[in-house]
Amino acid sequence: MKLVIVYGPPAVGKLTVAKELAALTGYKLFHNHLTVDVVASLFEFGSPVFWDQVRLMRELLFEAAAKNNVNMIFTFVYAAGEDDKIINNYINIIEKHSGEVCLVQLKASMEVLKKRIIKRNRTQYEKMTKTNELEKWVDKYNLFSQIPDRESLIIDNSSLSPSEVARQIIAHFQLK
């Protein structure tokens, strides 16, 4: 089983690349807003119970996917320091079942992110759409950071198509 985690700041193109990667590989797409949106229907976004339930739901699904050999792609906004324990738990769940985790960090300049964040298609999953929020979050959570103690494939997709990025990921990790 392989889990490809595509991470980076808001508007970097995680979901767009993940959809292309899923189409090319047949891997299941489990993007972060699937759990966020379900839990937000019951609990206030950002509250402690909200994040606990998001984490628990993801862990249960990762465990089931690993046990059943379901290859998948997961998108994630990694907040340096704050998410270290969480991301390590996800990785440990997969590796406990002899799965492999492939980390992909997408990067783009703030100028590119600001142009992307205001695009209309971001409203489908109630994603961040304001440049001032983006700047605040990037600074507060150090969203350009790499997940520590693990190798990540780092791709600047400022001027690459989602298909080009997906093909780089497939080639690098030898995905089938």
C-alpha atoms as a PDB file:
ATOM      1  CA  MET A   1       0.000   0.000   0.000  1.00  0.00           C
ATOM      2  CA  LYS A   2       1.229   3.478  -0.821  1.00  0.00           C
ATOM      3  CA  LEU A   3       0.064   6.740   0.671  1.00  0.00           C
ATOM      4  CA  VAL A   4       1.098   9.855  -1.242  1.00  0.00           C
ATOM      5  CA  ILE A   5       0.815  12.945   0.963  1.00  0.00           C
ATOM      6  CA  VAL A   6       0.737  16.151  -1.075  1.00  0.00           C
ATOM      7  CA  TYR A   7       1.322  19.093   1.245  1.00  0.00           C
ATOM      8  CA  GLY A   8       1.929  22.810   1.080  1.00  0.00           C
ATOM      9  CA  PRO A   9       0.251  26.142   1.779  1.00  0.00           C
ATOM     10  CA  PRO A  10      -3.285  27.052   0.707  1.00  0.00           C
ATOM     11  CA  ALA A  11      -3.690  27.708  -3.033  1.00  0.00           C
ATOM     12  CA  VAL A  12      -0.500  25.901  -4.021  1.00  0.00           C
ATOM     13  CA  GLY A  13      -2.525  23.384  -6.047  1.00  0.00           C
ATOM     14  CA  LYS A  14      -2.587  20.332  -3.792  1.00  0.00           C
ATOM     15  CA  LEU A  15      -6.083  19.179  -4.745  1.00  0.00           C
ATOM     16  CA  THR A  16      -5.642  19.978  -8.438  1.00  0.00           C
ATOM     17  CA  VAL A  17      -2.415  17.969  -8.586  1.00  0.00           C
ATOM     18  CA  ALA A  18      -3.916  15.181  -6.450  1.00  0.00           C
ATOM     19  CA  LYS A  19      -6.875  14.834  -8.833  1.00  0.00           C
ATOM     20  CA  GLU A  20      -4.521  14.526 -11.788  1.00  0.00           C
ATOM     21  CA  LEU A  21      -2.340  12.048  -9.897  1.00  0.00           C
ATOM     22  CA  ALA A  22      -5.413   9.962  -9.029  1.00  0.00           C
ATOM     23  CA  ALA A  23      -6.542   9.956 -12.653  1.00  0.00           C
ATOM     24  CA  LEU A  24      -3.121   8.777 -13.837  1.00  0.00           C
ATOM     25  CA  THR A  25      -2.520   6.145 -11.136  1.00  0.00           C
ATOM     26  CA  GLY A  26      -5.954   4.919 -10.103  1.00  0.00           C
ATOM     27  CA  TYR A  27      -5.107   5.750  -6.480  1.00  0.00           C
ATOM     28  CA  LYS A  28      -8.014   6.836  -4.276  1.00  0.00           C
ATOM     29  CA  LEU A  29      -8.149  10.554  -3.494  1.00  0.00           C
ATOM     30  CA  PHE A  30      -8.729  11.466   0.146  1.00  0.00           C
ATOM     31  CA  HIS A  31      -8.330  15.230   0.296  1.00  0.00           C
ATOM     32  CA  ASN A  32      -8.254  17.069   3.603  1.00  0.00           C
ATOM     33  CA  HIS A  33     -11.573  18.872   3.098  1.00  0.00           C
ATOM     34  CA  LEU A  34     -13.503  15.587   3.091  1.00  0.00           C
ATOM     35  CA  THR A  35     -12.956  15.214   6.834  1.00  0.00           C
ATOM     36  CA  VAL A  36     -12.922  18.939   7.587  1.00  0.00           C
ATOM     37  CA  ASP A  37     -16.320  19.453   5.972  1.00  0.00           C
ATOM     38  CA  VAL A  38     -17.922  16.457   7.706  1.00  0.00           C
ATOM     39  CA  VAL A  39     -16.699  17.478  11.149  1.00  0.00           C
ATOM     40  CA  ALA A  40     -17.521  21.177  10.565  1.00  0.00           C
ATOM     41  CA  SER A  41     -21.146  20.160  10.090  1.00  0.00           C
ATOM     42  CA  LEU A  42     -21.221  19.240  13.792  1.00  0.00           C
ATOM     43  CA  PHE A  43     -18.487  21.215  15.548  1.00  0.00           C
ATOM     44  CA  GLU A  44     -17.136  24.747  15.319  1.00  0.00           C
ATOM     45  CA  PHE A  45     -14.205  24.966  12.903  1.00  0.00           C
ATOM     46  CA  GLY A  46     -10.927  25.207  14.781  1.00  0.00           C
ATOM     47  CA  SER A  47     -12.262  24.191  18.188  1.00  0.00           C
ATOM     48  CA  PRO A  48     -10.387  21.463  20.096  1.00  0.00           C
ATOM     49  CA  VAL A  49     -13.199  18.937  19.578  1.00  0.00           C
ATOM     50  CA  PHE A  50     -13.246  19.796  15.863  1.00  0.00           C
ATOM     51  CA  TRP A  51      -9.535  19.007  15.382  1.00  0.00           C
ATOM     52  CA  ASP A  52      -9.736  15.890  17.587  1.00  0.00           C
ATOM     53  CA  GLN A  53     -12.547  14.465  15.468  1.00  0.00           C
ATOM     54  CA  VAL A  54     -10.809  15.337  12.172  1.00  0.00           C
ATOM     55  CA  ARG A  55      -7.659  13.566  13.370  1.00  0.00           C
ATOM     56  CA  LEU A  56      -9.558  10.499  14.631  1.00  0.00           C
ATOM     57  CA  MET A  57     -11.562  10.165  11.421  1.00  0.00           C
ATOM     58  CA  ARG A  58      -8.418  10.386   9.298  1.00  0.00           C
ATOM     59  CA  GLU A  59      -6.573   7.851  11.460  1.00  0.00           C
ATOM     60  CA  LEU A  60      -9.444   5.362  11.172  1.00  0.00           C
ATOM     61  CA  LEU A  61      -9.557   5.714   7.398  1.00  0.00           C
ATOM     62  CA  PHE A  62      -5.766   5.472   7.018  1.00  0.00           C
ATOM     63  CA  GLU A  63      -5.805   2.317   9.129  1.00  0.00           C
ATOM     64  CA  ALA A  64      -8.564   0.732   7.039  1.00  0.00           C
ATOM     65  CA  ALA A  65      -6.839   1.686   3.773  1.00  0.00           C
ATOM     66  CA  ALA A  66      -3.517   0.268   4.954  1.00  0.00           C
ATOM     67  CA  LYS A  67      -5.097  -2.989   6.163  1.00  0.00           C
ATOM     68  CA  ASN A  68      -6.922  -3.384   2.847  1.00  0.00           C
ATOM     69  CA  ASN A  69      -4.028  -2.386   0.606  1.00  0.00           C
ATOM     70  CA  VAL A  70      -5.792   0.670  -0.825  1.00  0.00           C
ATOM     71  CA  ASN A  71      -3.343   3.059  -2.478  1.00  0.00           C
ATOM     72  CA  MET A  72      -4.303   6.634  -1.779  1.00  0.00           C
ATOM     73  CA  ILE A  73      -3.439  10.287  -2.102  1.00  0.00           C
ATOM     74  CA  PHE A  74      -3.962  12.685   0.799  1.00  0.00           C
ATOM     75  CA  THR A  75      -3.714  16.480   0.729  1.00  0.00           C
ATOM     76  CA  PHE A  76      -2.574  18.381   3.792  1.00  0.00           C
ATOM     77  CA  VAL A  77      -1.603  21.887   4.897  1.00  0.00           C
ATOM     78  CA  TYR A  78       1.398  21.203   7.138  1.00  0.00           C
ATOM     79  CA  ALA A  79       1.876  23.636  10.035  1.00  0.00           C
ATOM     80  CA  ALA A  80       5.480  23.332  11.226  1.00  0.00           C
ATOM     81  CA  GLY A  81       5.751  22.110  14.798  1.00  0.00           C
ATOM     82  CA  GLU A  82       2.014  21.965  15.449  1.00  0.00           C
ATOM     83  CA  ASP A  83       1.363  19.102  13.021  1.00  0.00           C
ATOM     84  CA  ASP A  84       4.506  17.045  13.649  1.00  0.00           C
ATOM     85  CA  LYS A  85       2.877  14.564  16.024  1.00  0.00           C
ATOM     86  CA  ILE A  86      -0.209  14.276  13.818  1.00  0.00           C
ATOM     87  CA  ILE A  87       1.693  13.632  10.592  1.00  0.00           C
ATOM     88  CA  ASN A  88       3.960  11.126  12.357  1.00  0.00           C
ATOM     89  CA  ASN A  89       0.858   9.273  13.609  1.00  0.00           C
ATOM     90  CA  TYR A  90      -0.478   9.064  10.054  1.00  0.00           C
ATOM     91  CA  ILE A  91       2.867   7.789   8.760  1.00  0.00           C
ATOM     92  CA  ASN A  92       3.183   5.252  11.601  1.00  0.00           C
ATOM     93  CA  ILE A  93      -0.284   3.854  10.863  1.00  0.00           C
ATOM     94  CA  ILE A  94       0.688   3.184   7.247  1.00  0.00           C
ATOM     95  CA  GLU A  95       4.151   1.797   8.037  1.00  0.00           C
ATOM     96  CA  LYS A  96       2.739  -0.446  10.784  1.00  0.00           C
ATOM     97  CA  HIS A  97       0.957  -2.305   7.980  1.00  0.00           C
ATOM     98  CA  SER A  98       4.080  -2.414   5.762  1.00  0.00           C
ATOM     99  CA  GLY A  99       2.832   0.493   3.664  1.00  0.00           C
ATOM    100  CA  GLU A 100       4.982   3.188   2.122  1.00  0.00           C
ATOM    101  CA  VAL A 101       4.487   6.927   2.587  1.00  0.00           C
ATOM    102  CA  CYS A 102       5.581   9.254  -0.221  1.00  0.00           C
ATOM    103  CA  LEU A 103       5.815  12.916   0.778  1.00  0.00           C
ATOM    104  CA  VAL A 104       5.407  15.626  -1.848  1.00  0.00           C
ATOM    105  CA  GLN A 105       5.790  19.271  -0.936  1.00  0.00           C
ATOM    106  CA  LEU A 106       4.350  21.723  -3.434  1.00  0.00           C
ATOM    107  CA  LYS A 107       5.754  25.247  -3.441  1.00  0.00           C
ATOM    108  CA  ALA A 108       4.961  28.478  -5.215  1.00  0.00           C
ATOM    109  CA  SER A 109       5.839  32.104  -4.579  1.00  0.00           C
ATOM    110  CA  MET A 110       3.522  34.269  -2.472  1.00  0.00           C
ATOM    111  CA  GLU A 111       2.758  36.238  -5.627  1.00  0.00           C
ATOM    112  CA  VAL A 112       1.489  33.081  -7.343  1.00  0.00           C
ATOM    113  CA  LEU A 113      -0.429  31.944  -4.243  1.00  0.00           C
ATOM    114  CA  LYS A 114      -2.179  35.319  -3.980  1.00  0.00           C
ATOM    115  CA  LYS A 115      -3.326  35.041  -7.598  1.00  0.00           C
ATOM    116  CA  ARG A 116      -4.602  31.510  -7.063  1.00  0.00           C
ATOM    117  CA  ILE A 117      -6.323  32.041  -3.713  1.00  0.00           C
ATOM    118  CA  ILE A 118      -8.957  34.378  -5.153  1.00  0.00           C
ATOM    119  CA  LYS A 119     -10.068  31.949  -7.873  1.00  0.00           C
ATOM    120  CA  ARG A 120     -13.737  31.062  -7.808  1.00  0.00           C
ATOM    121  CA  ASN A 121     -13.192  27.277  -7.822  1.00  0.00           C
ATOM    122  CA  ARG A 122     -11.854  27.471  -4.236  1.00  0.00           C
ATOM    123  CA  THR A 123     -15.342  28.110  -2.834  1.00  0.00           C
ATOM    124  CA  GLN A 124     -16.524  24.555  -3.553  1.00  0.00           C
ATOM    125  CA  TYR A 125     -14.913  23.246  -0.343  1.00  0.00           C
ATOM    126  CA  GLU A 126     -15.061  26.506   1.609  1.00  0.00           C
ATOM    127  CA  LYS A 127     -11.331  26.958   1.153  1.00  0.00           C
ATOM    128  CA  MET A 128      -9.464  30.098   2.085  1.00  0.00           C
ATOM    129  CA  THR A 129     -10.096  32.824  -0.503  1.00  0.00           C
ATOM    130  CA  LYS A 130      -8.595  35.988   0.985  1.00  0.00           C
ATOM    131  CA  THR A 131      -5.012  37.131   0.471  1.00  0.00           C
ATOM    132  CA  ASN A 132      -4.775  38.700   3.945  1.00  0.00           C
ATOM    133  CA  GLU A 133      -5.770  35.366   5.541  1.00  0.00           C
ATOM    134  CA  LEU A 134      -3.160  33.583   3.433  1.00  0.00           C
ATOM    135  CA  GLU A 135      -0.401  35.944   4.569  1.00  0.00           C
ATOM    136  CA  LYS A 136      -1.456  35.591   8.205  1.00  0.00           C
ATOM    137  CA  TRP A 137      -1.552  31.768   8.092  1.00  0.00           C
ATOM    138  CA  VAL A 138       1.719  31.423   6.169  1.00  0.00           C
ATOM    139  CA  ASP A 139       3.500  33.545   8.773  1.00  0.00           C
ATOM    140  CA  LYS A 140       1.780  32.138  11.852  1.00  0.00           C
ATOM    141  CA  TYR A 141       2.175  28.463  10.920  1.00  0.00           C
ATOM    142  CA  ASN A 142       5.321  28.567   8.780  1.00  0.00           C
ATOM    143  CA  LEU A 143       3.466  26.871   5.915  1.00  0.00           C
ATOM    144  CA  PHE A 144       6.473  26.724   3.595  1.00  0.00           C
ATOM    145  CA  SER A 145       8.226  24.319   5.979  1.00  0.00           C
ATOM    146  CA  GLN A 146       9.161  20.799   5.053  1.00  0.00           C
ATOM    147  CA  ILE A 147       7.991  17.858   7.165  1.00  0.00           C
ATOM    148  CA  PRO A 148      11.026  17.073   9.350  1.00  0.00           C
ATOM    149  CA  ASP A 149      12.973  13.821   9.570  1.00  0.00           C
ATOM    150  CA  ARG A 150      11.539  12.544   6.291  1.00  0.00           C
ATOM    151  CA  GLU A 151      12.527  13.040   2.694  1.00  0.00           C
ATOM    152  CA  SER A 152      10.061  14.995   0.590  1.00  0.00           C
ATOM    153  CA  LEU A 153       9.966  15.430  -3.139  1.00  0.00           C
ATOM    154  CA  ILE A 154       9.848  19.228  -3.452  1.00  0.00           C
ATOM    155  CA  ILE A 155       8.228  20.674  -6.568  1.00  0.00           C
ATOM    156  CA  ASP A 156       7.782  24.348  -7.389  1.00  0.00           C
ATOM    157  CA  ASN A 157       4.624  24.262  -9.444  1.00  0.00           C
ATOM    158  CA  SER A 158       4.438  28.004 -10.108  1.00  0.00           C
ATOM    159  CA  SER A 159       4.712  27.441 -13.837  1.00  0.00           C
ATOM    160  CA  LEU A 160       4.041  23.704 -14.200  1.00  0.00           C
ATOM    161  CA  SER A 161       0.754  22.131 -15.219  1.00  0.00           C
ATOM    162  CA  PRO A 162      -0.922  19.696 -12.798  1.00  0.00           C
ATOM    163  CA  SER A 163      -0.190  16.930 -15.322  1.00  0.00           C
ATOM    164  CA  GLU A 164       3.525  17.757 -15.365  1.00  0.00           C
ATOM    165  CA  VAL A 165       3.645  17.746 -11.564  1.00  0.00           C
ATOM    166  CA  ALA A 166       1.737  14.443 -11.368  1.00  0.00           C
ATOM    167  CA  ARG A 167       4.112  12.843 -13.860  1.00  0.00           C
ATOM    168  CA  GLN A 168       7.122  13.996 -11.816  1.00  0.00           C
ATOM    169  CA  ILE A 169       5.590  12.414  -8.712  1.00  0.00           C
ATOM    170  CA  ILE A 170       4.859   9.155 -10.541  1.00  0.00           C
ATOM    171  CA  ALA A 171       8.398   8.967 -11.927  1.00  0.00           C
ATOM    172  CA  HIS A 172      10.094   9.849  -8.643  1.00  0.00           C
ATOM    173  CA  PHE A 173       8.188   7.332  -6.507  1.00  0.00           C
ATOM    174  CA  GLN A 174       7.705   4.774  -9.289  1.00  0.00           C
ATOM    175  CA  LEU A 175       3.952   4.743  -8.801  1.00  0.00           C
ATOM    176  CA  LYS A 176       1.841   2.364 -10.842  1.00  0.00           C
END
